[in-house]
C-alpha atoms as a PDB file:
ATOM      1  CA  MET A   1      57.475 185.263 105.908  1.00  0.00           C
ATOM      2  CA  ILE A   2      54.645 183.318 107.483  1.00  0.00           C
ATOM      3  CA  LEU A   3      55.052 179.997 109.265  1.00  0.00           C
ATOM      4  CA  THR A   4      52.448 177.587 107.885  1.00  0.00           C
ATOM      5  CA  GLY A   5      53.768 174.256 109.170  1.00  0.00           C
ATOM      6  CA  TYR A   6      56.288 172.742 111.543  1.00  0.00           C
ATOM      7  CA  VAL A   7      58.196 169.570 112.318  1.00  0.00           C
ATOM      8  CA  PRO A   8      58.196 168.839 116.064  1.00  0.00           C
ATOM      9  CA  PHE A   9      61.671 169.787 117.343  1.00  0.00           C
ATOM     10  CA  ARG A  10      61.765 166.651 119.508  1.00  0.00           C
ATOM     11  CA  ASN A  11      59.678 163.499 119.773  1.00  0.00           C
ATOM     12  CA  GLY A  12      56.418 164.222 121.566  1.00  0.00           C
ATOM     13  CA  ALA A  13      56.805 168.009 121.485  1.00  0.00           C
ATOM     14  CA  SER A  14      53.553 169.952 121.369  1.00  0.00           C
ATOM     15  CA  GLU A  15      52.711 172.474 118.661  1.00  0.00           C
ATOM     16  CA  GLU A  16      53.232 175.281 121.165  1.00  0.00           C
ATOM     17  CA  GLU A  17      56.696 174.011 122.160  1.00  0.00           C
ATOM     18  CA  SER A  18      57.715 173.512 118.540  1.00  0.00           C
ATOM     19  CA  VAL A  19      56.561 176.976 117.456  1.00  0.00           C
ATOM     20  CA  ARG A  20      58.317 178.573 120.436  1.00  0.00           C
ATOM     21  CA  ASN A  21      61.539 176.788 119.447  1.00  0.00           C
ATOM     22  CA  ILE A  22      61.188 177.957 115.823  1.00  0.00           C
ATOM     23  CA  LYS A  23      60.548 181.564 116.890  1.00  0.00           C
ATOM     24  CA  GLU A  24      63.575 181.533 119.214  1.00  0.00           C
ATOM     25  CA  SER A  25      65.767 180.191 116.388  1.00  0.00           C
ATOM     26  CA  CYS A  26      64.535 182.707 113.824  1.00  0.00           C
ATOM     27  CA  GLY A  27      66.448 185.941 113.290  1.00  0.00           C
ATOM     28  CA  TRP A  28      63.338 188.081 112.725  1.00  0.00           C
ATOM     29  CA  LYS A  29      59.773 188.470 113.974  1.00  0.00           C
ATOM     30  CA  LEU A  30      57.944 185.537 112.437  1.00  0.00           C
ATOM     31  CA  LYS A  31      54.273 185.639 111.526  1.00  0.00           C
ATOM     32  CA  ILE A  32      52.349 182.481 112.425  1.00  0.00           C
ATOM     33  CA  LYS A  33      49.348 181.173 110.479  1.00  0.00           C
ATOM     34  CA  ASP A  34      46.279 180.481 112.654  1.00  0.00           C
ATOM     35  CA  LYS A  35      46.108 176.797 111.686  1.00  0.00           C
ATOM     36  CA  LEU A  36      49.508 175.158 111.332  1.00  0.00           C
ATOM     37  CA  GLN A  37      50.212 171.899 109.541  1.00  0.00           C
ATOM     38  CA  ALA A  38      52.193 169.354 111.566  1.00  0.00           C
ATOM     39  CA  ILE A  39      54.783 167.867 109.211  1.00  0.00           C
ATOM     40  CA  SER A  40      55.985 164.353 109.951  1.00  0.00           C
ATOM     41  CA  LEU A  41      59.664 163.482 109.983  1.00  0.00           C
ATOM     42  CA  PRO A  42      60.969 161.896 106.785  1.00  0.00           C
ATOM     43  CA  VAL A  43      61.120 158.109 106.645  1.00  0.00           C
ATOM     44  CA  ASP A  44      64.373 156.299 105.810  1.00  0.00           C
ATOM     45  CA  GLU A  45      63.431 155.913 102.139  1.00  0.00           C
ATOM     46  CA  GLU A  46      62.897 159.683 101.788  1.00  0.00           C
ATOM     47  CA  ILE A  47      66.219 160.448 103.458  1.00  0.00           C
ATOM     48  CA  LEU A  48      68.061 158.057 101.132  1.00  0.00           C
ATOM     49  CA  PHE A  49      66.373 159.717  98.150  1.00  0.00           C
ATOM     50  CA  ILE A  50      67.448 163.182  99.312  1.00  0.00           C
ATOM     51  CA  ARG A  51      71.009 161.952  99.857  1.00  0.00           C
ATOM     52  CA  CYS A  52      71.133 160.915  96.184  1.00  0.00           C
ATOM     53  CA  PHE A  53      71.028 164.630  95.336  1.00  0.00           C
ATOM     54  CA  ASP A  54      73.461 165.706  98.073  1.00  0.00           C
ATOM     55  CA  PRO A  55      75.989 162.839  98.377  1.00  0.00           C
ATOM     56  CA  LYS A  56      78.672 165.114  99.873  1.00  0.00           C
ATOM     57  CA  ARG A  57      76.118 166.434 102.390  1.00  0.00           C
ATOM     58  CA  TYR A  58      76.652 170.121 101.592  1.00  0.00           C
ATOM     59  CA  PHE A  59      73.018 170.911 102.454  1.00  0.00           C
ATOM     60  CA  LEU A  60      72.128 167.993 104.705  1.00  0.00           C
ATOM     61  CA  GLY A  61      75.106 168.558 106.975  1.00  0.00           C
ATOM     62  CA  SER A  62      77.645 166.019 108.116  1.00  0.00           C
ATOM     63  CA  GLU A  63      77.099 163.417 110.791  1.00  0.00           C
ATOM     64  CA  GLU A  64      79.752 165.156 112.933  1.00  0.00           C
ATOM     65  CA  SER A  65      77.840 168.456 112.860  1.00  0.00           C
ATOM     66  CA  LYS A  66      74.806 166.746 114.413  1.00  0.00           C
ATOM     67  CA  LYS A  67      76.686 165.541 117.488  1.00  0.00           C
END
């Protein structure tokens, strides 16, 4: 698998910090593309749309699991 893009793991995180966090969370040696695409966080409308397909939050996770 090759990492081609990333979502910053916290607001204001640099590409380097985000990639380091991804690599530390990955269970195998991850290949990294030379030029990565920074992916913006979803807006409220996109989240609501996704929740239409996962109303019981099996894939999105529950609010309690995020605390």
